[in-house]
């Protein structure tokens, strides 16, 4: 057996982000081995909505999707607010054709909309970036939404790696701020880590058990669940070492989920063999 000791410290981290060029964000994550966490580029529909908002604002206006919005686009609707009722008038419609914005049903500056569309298309939203960073933290064995939403815990053995990533993201787009506050693993911190870990393990284990018990997953889906269950067991073992606690209850919960997932995989394998 290979034994490892982990730094029992760590840090709390949170961030405030600004829209960042997709390629720059992608380069930072890929250069550090987190290419699988890179989000997809912004969709045409999302970029078009951003272009309309940037060009015409949303004061007393609302942007609505047309049926089959990917093909037919969006509309900007003017709102005239009355004391007893509101009146709605379509200002114009817009859709993307060959990377250019085409307006219909009214007048709009297609050149300005296209310029804003291309600018929006080239950047990631802060929501997409935040989701990607949360996934990176999970791969670093961190705990997201630690104590409260938006605050995350980074274990000590990944702290330098996270700091390097935070610095690189700030360099690639001024305005990105990732705060890292180192903490000692005193009794209160250990309790908070344990509570957050307990909730995470219980929630994920229940979801895994529910997924495999339905009997509706295909072979690939079952293997994904089995890998997730194995990762859950690994993380409980890791935090047992970090906290210097047995965490036997959590280990049993994770082992139960792993057993159910592996059992479902073996059952599927046996059924496939019988059908040959």
C-alpha atoms as a PDB file:
ATOM      1  CA  UNK A   1       0.000   0.000   0.000  1.00  0.00           C
ATOM      2  CA  UNK A   2       1.295   3.475  -0.918  1.00  0.00           C
ATOM      3  CA  UNK A   3       0.715   5.981   1.844  1.00  0.00           C
ATOM      4  CA  UNK A   4       0.547   9.694   1.204  1.00  0.00           C
ATOM      5  CA  UNK A   5       0.372  12.612   3.589  1.00  0.00           C
ATOM      6  CA  UNK A   6      -1.500  15.743   2.595  1.00  0.00           C
ATOM      7  CA  UNK A   7      -1.169  19.323   3.713  1.00  0.00           C
ATOM      8  CA  UNK A   8      -3.931  19.798   6.264  1.00  0.00           C
ATOM      9  CA  UNK A   9      -4.253  23.482   5.425  1.00  0.00           C
ATOM     10  CA  UNK A  10      -5.956  24.892   2.380  1.00  0.00           C
ATOM     11  CA  UNK A  11      -7.751  28.005   1.271  1.00  0.00           C
ATOM     12  CA  UNK A  12     -11.133  29.523   0.690  1.00  0.00           C
ATOM     13  CA  UNK A  13     -11.542  30.957  -2.776  1.00  0.00           C
ATOM     14  CA  UNK A  14     -14.133  33.001  -4.614  1.00  0.00           C
ATOM     15  CA  UNK A  15     -14.131  35.061  -7.779  1.00  0.00           C
ATOM     16  CA  UNK A  16     -15.499  38.023  -9.689  1.00  0.00           C
ATOM     17  CA  UNK A  17     -15.139  37.586 -13.445  1.00  0.00           C
ATOM     18  CA  UNK A  18     -15.592  39.658 -16.578  1.00  0.00           C
ATOM     19  CA  UNK A  19     -16.378  38.371 -20.095  1.00  0.00           C
ATOM     20  CA  UNK A  20     -13.125  36.961 -21.434  1.00  0.00           C
ATOM     21  CA  UNK A  21     -11.992  36.030 -24.955  1.00  0.00           C
ATOM     22  CA  UNK A  22     -12.809  32.378 -25.522  1.00  0.00           C
ATOM     23  CA  UNK A  23      -9.404  31.505 -26.949  1.00  0.00           C
ATOM     24  CA  UNK A  24      -7.530  33.145 -24.066  1.00  0.00           C
ATOM     25  CA  UNK A  25      -9.598  31.286 -21.460  1.00  0.00           C
ATOM     26  CA  UNK A  26      -9.184  28.033 -23.384  1.00  0.00           C
ATOM     27  CA  UNK A  27      -5.403  28.486 -23.648  1.00  0.00           C
ATOM     28  CA  UNK A  28      -5.072  29.014 -19.891  1.00  0.00           C
ATOM     29  CA  UNK A  29      -7.027  25.864 -18.995  1.00  0.00           C
ATOM     30  CA  UNK A  30      -5.396  23.682 -21.656  1.00  0.00           C
ATOM     31  CA  UNK A  31      -1.882  24.781 -20.701  1.00  0.00           C
ATOM     32  CA  UNK A  32      -2.544  23.477 -17.185  1.00  0.00           C
ATOM     33  CA  UNK A  33      -4.131  20.195 -18.192  1.00  0.00           C
ATOM     34  CA  UNK A  34      -7.780  21.172 -17.767  1.00  0.00           C
ATOM     35  CA  UNK A  35      -8.793  21.208 -21.405  1.00  0.00           C
ATOM     36  CA  UNK A  36     -11.786  18.972 -20.682  1.00  0.00           C
ATOM     37  CA  UNK A  37     -13.208  21.750 -18.492  1.00  0.00           C
ATOM     38  CA  UNK A  38     -13.238  24.327 -21.301  1.00  0.00           C
ATOM     39  CA  UNK A  39     -16.861  25.277 -22.038  1.00  0.00           C
ATOM     40  CA  UNK A  40     -18.302  25.286 -25.525  1.00  0.00           C
ATOM     41  CA  UNK A  41     -18.083  28.567 -27.446  1.00  0.00           C
ATOM     42  CA  UNK A  42     -21.027  30.904 -27.051  1.00  0.00           C
ATOM     43  CA  UNK A  43     -23.994  29.905 -29.216  1.00  0.00           C
ATOM     44  CA  UNK A  44     -25.204  32.126 -32.049  1.00  0.00           C
ATOM     45  CA  UNK A  45     -28.477  32.690 -30.207  1.00  0.00           C
ATOM     46  CA  UNK A  46     -26.733  33.793 -27.003  1.00  0.00           C
ATOM     47  CA  UNK A  47     -24.336  36.052 -28.937  1.00  0.00           C
ATOM     48  CA  UNK A  48     -27.225  37.551 -30.925  1.00  0.00           C
ATOM     49  CA  UNK A  49     -29.097  38.319 -27.713  1.00  0.00           C
ATOM     50  CA  UNK A  50     -25.963  39.978 -26.369  1.00  0.00           C
ATOM     51  CA  UNK A  51     -25.605  41.998 -29.562  1.00  0.00           C
ATOM     52  CA  UNK A  52     -29.187  43.283 -29.434  1.00  0.00           C
ATOM     53  CA  UNK A  53     -28.834  44.173 -25.754  1.00  0.00           C
ATOM     54  CA  UNK A  54     -25.526  45.985 -26.359  1.00  0.00           C
ATOM     55  CA  UNK A  55     -26.896  47.892 -29.374  1.00  0.00           C
ATOM     56  CA  UNK A  56     -30.364  48.874 -28.153  1.00  0.00           C
ATOM     57  CA  UNK A  57     -30.464  48.282 -24.403  1.00  0.00           C
ATOM     58  CA  UNK A  58     -33.314  46.678 -22.460  1.00  0.00           C
ATOM     59  CA  UNK A  59     -34.972  49.654 -20.740  1.00  0.00           C
ATOM     60  CA  UNK A  60     -38.699  49.204 -21.465  1.00  0.00           C
ATOM     61  CA  UNK A  61     -37.736  46.485 -23.924  1.00  0.00           C
ATOM     62  CA  UNK A  62     -37.534  42.706 -23.847  1.00  0.00           C
ATOM     63  CA  UNK A  63     -35.770  40.257 -26.148  1.00  0.00           C
ATOM     64  CA  UNK A  64     -37.902  37.217 -26.948  1.00  0.00           C
ATOM     65  CA  UNK A  65     -37.173  34.047 -28.887  1.00  0.00           C
ATOM     66  CA  UNK A  66     -39.105  33.066 -31.945  1.00  0.00           C
ATOM     67  CA  UNK A  67     -40.255  29.516 -32.484  1.00  0.00           C
ATOM     68  CA  UNK A  68     -37.216  27.490 -33.615  1.00  0.00           C
ATOM     69  CA  UNK A  69     -34.973  30.335 -32.489  1.00  0.00           C
ATOM     70  CA  UNK A  70     -31.814  28.759 -33.879  1.00  0.00           C
ATOM     71  CA  UNK A  71     -33.216  29.225 -37.377  1.00  0.00           C
ATOM     72  CA  UNK A  72     -35.666  32.082 -36.995  1.00  0.00           C
ATOM     73  CA  UNK A  73     -33.865  34.226 -34.447  1.00  0.00           C
ATOM     74  CA  UNK A  74     -35.117  36.725 -31.890  1.00  0.00           C
ATOM     75  CA  UNK A  75     -37.279  39.820 -31.626  1.00  0.00           C
ATOM     76  CA  UNK A  76     -36.839  43.062 -29.722  1.00  0.00           C
ATOM     77  CA  UNK A  77     -40.187  44.052 -28.222  1.00  0.00           C
ATOM     78  CA  UNK A  78     -40.904  47.594 -27.024  1.00  0.00           C
ATOM     79  CA  UNK A  79     -42.998  47.918 -23.850  1.00  0.00           C
ATOM     80  CA  UNK A  80     -45.297  50.878 -23.289  1.00  0.00           C
ATOM     81  CA  UNK A  81     -46.230  50.714 -19.637  1.00  0.00           C
ATOM     82  CA  UNK A  82     -49.692  51.946 -18.684  1.00  0.00           C
ATOM     83  CA  UNK A  83     -51.447  52.237 -15.373  1.00  0.00           C
ATOM     84  CA  UNK A  84     -53.951  49.507 -16.184  1.00  0.00           C
ATOM     85  CA  UNK A  85     -52.164  47.502 -18.877  1.00  0.00           C
ATOM     86  CA  UNK A  86     -49.002  47.385 -20.925  1.00  0.00           C
ATOM     87  CA  UNK A  87     -48.746  47.576 -24.712  1.00  0.00           C
ATOM     88  CA  UNK A  88     -46.183  45.563 -26.670  1.00  0.00           C
ATOM     89  CA  UNK A  89     -44.838  46.421 -30.105  1.00  0.00           C
ATOM     90  CA  UNK A  90     -42.218  44.461 -32.026  1.00  0.00           C
ATOM     91  CA  UNK A  91     -39.354  46.802 -32.919  1.00  0.00           C
ATOM     92  CA  UNK A  92     -37.561  44.346 -35.204  1.00  0.00           C
ATOM     93  CA  UNK A  93     -36.559  40.739 -35.597  1.00  0.00           C
ATOM     94  CA  UNK A  94     -33.017  39.477 -36.158  1.00  0.00           C
ATOM     95  CA  UNK A  95     -31.304  36.223 -37.068  1.00  0.00           C
ATOM     96  CA  UNK A  96     -27.807  35.078 -37.956  1.00  0.00           C
ATOM     97  CA  UNK A  97     -27.066  34.223 -41.581  1.00  0.00           C
ATOM     98  CA  UNK A  98     -23.494  33.251 -42.543  1.00  0.00           C
ATOM     99  CA  UNK A  99     -22.025  34.936 -39.443  1.00  0.00           C
ATOM    100  CA  UNK A 100     -23.877  38.199 -40.138  1.00  0.00           C
ATOM    101  CA  UNK A 101     -27.006  39.588 -38.483  1.00  0.00           C
ATOM    102  CA  UNK A 102     -30.009  40.111 -40.749  1.00  0.00           C
ATOM    103  CA  UNK A 103     -32.949  42.198 -39.489  1.00  0.00           C
ATOM    104  CA  UNK A 104     -36.593  41.908 -40.490  1.00  0.00           C
ATOM    105  CA  UNK A 105     -40.015  43.199 -39.483  1.00  0.00           C
ATOM    106  CA  UNK A 106     -38.709  46.691 -38.757  1.00  0.00           C
ATOM    107  CA  UNK A 107     -35.518  48.668 -38.996  1.00  0.00           C
ATOM    108  CA  UNK A 108     -32.237  47.931 -37.268  1.00  0.00           C
ATOM    109  CA  UNK A 109     -28.594  48.741 -37.938  1.00  0.00           C
ATOM    110  CA  UNK A 110     -27.388  45.394 -39.296  1.00  0.00           C
ATOM    111  CA  UNK A 111     -23.765  46.549 -39.415  1.00  0.00           C
ATOM    112  CA  UNK A 112     -23.754  47.513 -35.744  1.00  0.00           C
ATOM    113  CA  UNK A 113     -25.582  44.323 -34.768  1.00  0.00           C
ATOM    114  CA  UNK A 114     -23.123  42.186 -36.734  1.00  0.00           C
ATOM    115  CA  UNK A 115     -20.163  43.945 -35.110  1.00  0.00           C
ATOM    116  CA  UNK A 116     -21.589  43.366 -31.641  1.00  0.00           C
ATOM    117  CA  UNK A 117     -22.540  39.795 -32.536  1.00  0.00           C
ATOM    118  CA  UNK A 118     -18.987  38.923 -33.564  1.00  0.00           C
ATOM    119  CA  UNK A 119     -17.644  40.567 -30.414  1.00  0.00           C
ATOM    120  CA  UNK A 120     -20.102  38.623 -28.238  1.00  0.00           C
ATOM    121  CA  UNK A 121     -19.419  35.389 -30.087  1.00  0.00           C
ATOM    122  CA  UNK A 122     -15.697  35.650 -29.364  1.00  0.00           C
ATOM    123  CA  UNK A 123     -16.052  35.928 -25.576  1.00  0.00           C
ATOM    124  CA  UNK A 124     -17.298  33.662 -22.823  1.00  0.00           C
ATOM    125  CA  UNK A 125     -19.994  34.748 -20.419  1.00  0.00           C
ATOM    126  CA  UNK A 126     -19.086  34.956 -16.752  1.00  0.00           C
ATOM    127  CA  UNK A 127     -21.605  32.164 -16.024  1.00  0.00           C
ATOM    128  CA  UNK A 128     -19.826  29.789 -18.433  1.00  0.00           C
ATOM    129  CA  UNK A 129     -16.446  30.696 -16.970  1.00  0.00           C
ATOM    130  CA  UNK A 130     -17.680  30.188 -13.398  1.00  0.00           C
ATOM    131  CA  UNK A 131     -19.055  26.744 -14.249  1.00  0.00           C
ATOM    132  CA  UNK A 132     -15.715  25.802 -15.815  1.00  0.00           C
ATOM    133  CA  UNK A 133     -13.734  26.972 -12.771  1.00  0.00           C
ATOM    134  CA  UNK A 134     -16.034  24.996 -10.480  1.00  0.00           C
ATOM    135  CA  UNK A 135     -15.307  21.892 -12.559  1.00  0.00           C
ATOM    136  CA  UNK A 136     -11.558  22.596 -12.338  1.00  0.00           C
ATOM    137  CA  UNK A 137     -11.859  22.868  -8.556  1.00  0.00           C
ATOM    138  CA  UNK A 138     -13.611  19.513  -8.399  1.00  0.00           C
ATOM    139  CA  UNK A 139     -10.721  17.970 -10.353  1.00  0.00           C
ATOM    140  CA  UNK A 140      -8.406  19.502  -7.746  1.00  0.00           C
ATOM    141  CA  UNK A 141     -10.429  17.692  -5.058  1.00  0.00           C
ATOM    142  CA  UNK A 142     -11.911  20.992  -3.917  1.00  0.00           C
ATOM    143  CA  UNK A 143     -15.339  21.466  -2.387  1.00  0.00           C
ATOM    144  CA  UNK A 144     -17.606  23.946  -4.115  1.00  0.00           C
ATOM    145  CA  UNK A 145     -20.271  26.033  -2.358  1.00  0.00           C
ATOM    146  CA  UNK A 146     -18.329  25.645   0.875  1.00  0.00           C
ATOM    147  CA  UNK A 147     -20.311  27.164   3.770  1.00  0.00           C
ATOM    148  CA  UNK A 148     -22.272  29.280   1.272  1.00  0.00           C
ATOM    149  CA  UNK A 149     -22.798  29.587  -2.469  1.00  0.00           C
ATOM    150  CA  UNK A 150     -19.877  31.159  -4.309  1.00  0.00           C
ATOM    151  CA  UNK A 151     -17.242  30.231  -1.725  1.00  0.00           C
ATOM    152  CA  UNK A 152     -15.120  27.145  -2.369  1.00  0.00           C
ATOM    153  CA  UNK A 153     -12.467  25.174  -0.503  1.00  0.00           C
ATOM    154  CA  UNK A 154      -9.132  24.243  -2.101  1.00  0.00           C
ATOM    155  CA  UNK A 155      -7.117  21.554  -0.272  1.00  0.00           C
ATOM    156  CA  UNK A 156      -3.524  22.395   0.558  1.00  0.00           C
ATOM    157  CA  UNK A 157      -1.893  19.977  -1.879  1.00  0.00           C
ATOM    158  CA  UNK A 158      -3.567  21.774  -4.840  1.00  0.00           C
ATOM    159  CA  UNK A 159      -3.222  25.320  -3.540  1.00  0.00           C
ATOM    160  CA  UNK A 160      -0.186  26.372  -5.576  1.00  0.00           C
ATOM    161  CA  UNK A 161      -1.720  24.950  -8.721  1.00  0.00           C
ATOM    162  CA  UNK A 162      -4.925  26.930  -8.117  1.00  0.00           C
ATOM    163  CA  UNK A 163      -2.978  30.134  -7.399  1.00  0.00           C
ATOM    164  CA  UNK A 164      -1.112  29.736 -10.693  1.00  0.00           C
ATOM    165  CA  UNK A 165      -4.376  29.327 -12.573  1.00  0.00           C
ATOM    166  CA  UNK A 166      -5.873  32.372 -10.836  1.00  0.00           C
ATOM    167  CA  UNK A 167      -2.868  34.509 -11.785  1.00  0.00           C
ATOM    168  CA  UNK A 168      -3.005  33.384 -15.422  1.00  0.00           C
ATOM    169  CA  UNK A 169      -6.718  34.206 -15.720  1.00  0.00           C
ATOM    170  CA  UNK A 170      -6.120  37.700 -14.370  1.00  0.00           C
ATOM    171  CA  UNK A 171      -3.312  38.234 -16.881  1.00  0.00           C
ATOM    172  CA  UNK A 172      -5.398  37.064 -19.866  1.00  0.00           C
ATOM    173  CA  UNK A 173      -8.204  39.553 -19.122  1.00  0.00           C
ATOM    174  CA  UNK A 174      -7.889  42.519 -16.796  1.00  0.00           C
ATOM    175  CA  UNK A 175     -10.850  42.567 -14.444  1.00  0.00           C
ATOM    176  CA  UNK A 176     -10.842  38.869 -13.566  1.00  0.00           C
ATOM    177  CA  UNK A 177     -10.319  38.621  -9.814  1.00  0.00           C
ATOM    178  CA  UNK A 178      -9.904  35.313  -7.979  1.00  0.00           C
ATOM    179  CA  UNK A 179      -9.437  35.740  -4.239  1.00  0.00           C
ATOM    180  CA  UNK A 180      -7.531  33.078  -2.308  1.00  0.00           C
ATOM    181  CA  UNK A 181      -7.588  33.220   1.497  1.00  0.00           C
ATOM    182  CA  UNK A 182      -5.441  30.576   3.175  1.00  0.00           C
ATOM    183  CA  UNK A 183      -6.897  28.948   6.277  1.00  0.00           C
ATOM    184  CA  UNK A 184      -5.561  26.738   9.037  1.00  0.00           C
ATOM    185  CA  UNK A 185      -7.276  23.414   9.597  1.00  0.00           C
ATOM    186  CA  UNK A 186      -8.387  24.160  13.137  1.00  0.00           C
ATOM    187  CA  UNK A 187     -11.416  22.508  14.680  1.00  0.00           C
ATOM    188  CA  UNK A 188     -13.945  24.918  13.178  1.00  0.00           C
ATOM    189  CA  UNK A 189     -12.517  24.651   9.649  1.00  0.00           C
ATOM    190  CA  UNK A 190     -12.324  20.875   9.905  1.00  0.00           C
ATOM    191  CA  UNK A 191     -15.970  20.737  10.976  1.00  0.00           C
ATOM    192  CA  UNK A 192     -17.036  22.945   8.061  1.00  0.00           C
ATOM    193  CA  UNK A 193     -15.049  20.824   5.587  1.00  0.00           C
ATOM    194  CA  UNK A 194     -16.533  17.646   7.034  1.00  0.00           C
ATOM    195  CA  UNK A 195     -20.082  19.023   6.862  1.00  0.00           C
ATOM    196  CA  UNK A 196     -19.659  20.154   3.236  1.00  0.00           C
ATOM    197  CA  UNK A 197     -18.094  16.819   2.290  1.00  0.00           C
ATOM    198  CA  UNK A 198     -20.897  14.901   4.017  1.00  0.00           C
ATOM    199  CA  UNK A 199     -23.570  16.757   2.073  1.00  0.00           C
ATOM    200  CA  UNK A 200     -21.718  16.292  -1.206  1.00  0.00           C
ATOM    201  CA  UNK A 201     -21.145  12.560  -0.701  1.00  0.00           C
ATOM    202  CA  UNK A 202     -24.699  11.883   0.457  1.00  0.00           C
ATOM    203  CA  UNK A 203     -26.217  13.861  -2.419  1.00  0.00           C
ATOM    204  CA  UNK A 204     -24.038  12.230  -5.078  1.00  0.00           C
ATOM    205  CA  UNK A 205     -24.476   8.745  -3.621  1.00  0.00           C
ATOM    206  CA  UNK A 206     -28.265   9.091  -3.548  1.00  0.00           C
ATOM    207  CA  UNK A 207     -28.261  10.313  -7.140  1.00  0.00           C
ATOM    208  CA  UNK A 208     -26.060   7.400  -8.241  1.00  0.00           C
ATOM    209  CA  UNK A 209     -28.250   4.877  -6.458  1.00  0.00           C
ATOM    210  CA  UNK A 210     -31.359   6.394  -8.021  1.00  0.00           C
ATOM    211  CA  UNK A 211     -29.784   6.361 -11.493  1.00  0.00           C
ATOM    212  CA  UNK A 212     -28.713   2.720 -11.461  1.00  0.00           C
ATOM    213  CA  UNK A 213     -31.850   1.429  -9.724  1.00  0.00           C
ATOM    214  CA  UNK A 214     -34.098   2.551 -12.582  1.00  0.00           C
ATOM    215  CA  UNK A 215     -32.632  -0.036 -14.945  1.00  0.00           C
ATOM    216  CA  UNK A 216     -32.908   2.309 -17.919  1.00  0.00           C
ATOM    217  CA  UNK A 217     -29.238   3.251 -18.434  1.00  0.00           C
ATOM    218  CA  UNK A 218     -27.270   1.908 -21.378  1.00  0.00           C
ATOM    219  CA  UNK A 219     -23.790   0.399 -21.151  1.00  0.00           C
ATOM    220  CA  UNK A 220     -21.898   3.682 -21.553  1.00  0.00           C
ATOM    221  CA  UNK A 221     -24.095   5.454 -19.020  1.00  0.00           C
ATOM    222  CA  UNK A 222     -23.566   2.683 -16.477  1.00  0.00           C
ATOM    223  CA  UNK A 223     -19.791   2.881 -16.907  1.00  0.00           C
ATOM    224  CA  UNK A 224     -19.918   6.657 -16.336  1.00  0.00           C
ATOM    225  CA  UNK A 225     -21.859   6.086 -13.097  1.00  0.00           C
ATOM    226  CA  UNK A 226     -19.357   3.433 -12.002  1.00  0.00           C
ATOM    227  CA  UNK A 227     -16.469   5.844 -12.600  1.00  0.00           C
ATOM    228  CA  UNK A 228     -18.248   8.564 -10.631  1.00  0.00           C
ATOM    229  CA  UNK A 229     -18.821   6.167  -7.731  1.00  0.00           C
ATOM    230  CA  UNK A 230     -15.155   5.132  -7.770  1.00  0.00           C
ATOM    231  CA  UNK A 231     -14.146   8.803  -7.710  1.00  0.00           C
ATOM    232  CA  UNK A 232     -16.460   9.355  -4.738  1.00  0.00           C
ATOM    233  CA  UNK A 233     -14.709   6.585  -2.815  1.00  0.00           C
ATOM    234  CA  UNK A 234     -11.317   8.079  -3.700  1.00  0.00           C
ATOM    235  CA  UNK A 235     -12.297  11.546  -2.491  1.00  0.00           C
ATOM    236  CA  UNK A 236     -13.625  10.268   0.837  1.00  0.00           C
ATOM    237  CA  UNK A 237     -10.339   8.406   1.361  1.00  0.00           C
ATOM    238  CA  UNK A 238      -8.443  11.576   0.441  1.00  0.00           C
ATOM    239  CA  UNK A 239     -10.310  13.747   2.945  1.00  0.00           C
ATOM    240  CA  UNK A 240      -9.957  11.065   5.582  1.00  0.00           C
ATOM    241  CA  UNK A 241      -6.200  11.596   5.224  1.00  0.00           C
ATOM    242  CA  UNK A 242      -6.472  15.397   5.102  1.00  0.00           C
ATOM    243  CA  UNK A 243      -8.667  15.582   8.205  1.00  0.00           C
ATOM    244  CA  UNK A 244      -6.940  12.704   9.995  1.00  0.00           C
ATOM    245  CA  UNK A 245     -10.353  11.179  10.662  1.00  0.00           C
ATOM    246  CA  UNK A 246     -11.783   7.770   9.861  1.00  0.00           C
ATOM    247  CA  UNK A 247     -14.956   9.077   8.152  1.00  0.00           C
ATOM    248  CA  UNK A 248     -16.258   5.510   8.320  1.00  0.00           C
ATOM    249  CA  UNK A 249     -19.877   6.543   7.788  1.00  0.00           C
ATOM    250  CA  UNK A 250     -19.048   8.414   4.598  1.00  0.00           C
ATOM    251  CA  UNK A 251     -16.818   5.583   3.405  1.00  0.00           C
ATOM    252  CA  UNK A 252     -19.744   3.194   3.818  1.00  0.00           C
ATOM    253  CA  UNK A 253     -22.061   5.490   1.875  1.00  0.00           C
ATOM    254  CA  UNK A 254     -19.548   5.856  -0.973  1.00  0.00           C
ATOM    255  CA  UNK A 255     -18.858   2.111  -0.977  1.00  0.00           C
ATOM    256  CA  UNK A 256     -22.594   1.410  -1.179  1.00  0.00           C
ATOM    257  CA  UNK A 257     -22.916   3.628  -4.249  1.00  0.00           C
ATOM    258  CA  UNK A 258     -19.846   2.037  -5.809  1.00  0.00           C
ATOM    259  CA  UNK A 259     -21.155  -1.471  -5.162  1.00  0.00           C
ATOM    260  CA  UNK A 260     -24.524  -0.668  -6.710  1.00  0.00           C
ATOM    261  CA  UNK A 261     -22.930   0.935  -9.785  1.00  0.00           C
ATOM    262  CA  UNK A 262     -20.449  -1.899 -10.304  1.00  0.00           C
ATOM    263  CA  UNK A 263     -23.204  -4.459  -9.757  1.00  0.00           C
ATOM    264  CA  UNK A 264     -25.307  -2.804 -12.452  1.00  0.00           C
ATOM    265  CA  UNK A 265     -22.337  -2.842 -14.844  1.00  0.00           C
ATOM    266  CA  UNK A 266     -21.725  -6.554 -14.227  1.00  0.00           C
ATOM    267  CA  UNK A 267     -25.412  -7.313 -14.643  1.00  0.00           C
ATOM    268  CA  UNK A 268     -25.443  -5.455 -17.950  1.00  0.00           C
ATOM    269  CA  UNK A 269     -22.296  -7.299 -19.040  1.00  0.00           C
ATOM    270  CA  UNK A 270     -23.808 -10.674 -18.159  1.00  0.00           C
ATOM    271  CA  UNK A 271     -27.033  -9.865 -20.006  1.00  0.00           C
ATOM    272  CA  UNK A 272     -25.057  -8.846 -23.075  1.00  0.00           C
ATOM    273  CA  UNK A 273     -23.093 -12.087 -22.916  1.00  0.00           C
ATOM    274  CA  UNK A 274     -26.232 -14.169 -22.728  1.00  0.00           C
ATOM    275  CA  UNK A 275     -27.560 -12.435 -25.818  1.00  0.00           C
ATOM    276  CA  UNK A 276     -24.561 -13.403 -27.977  1.00  0.00           C
END
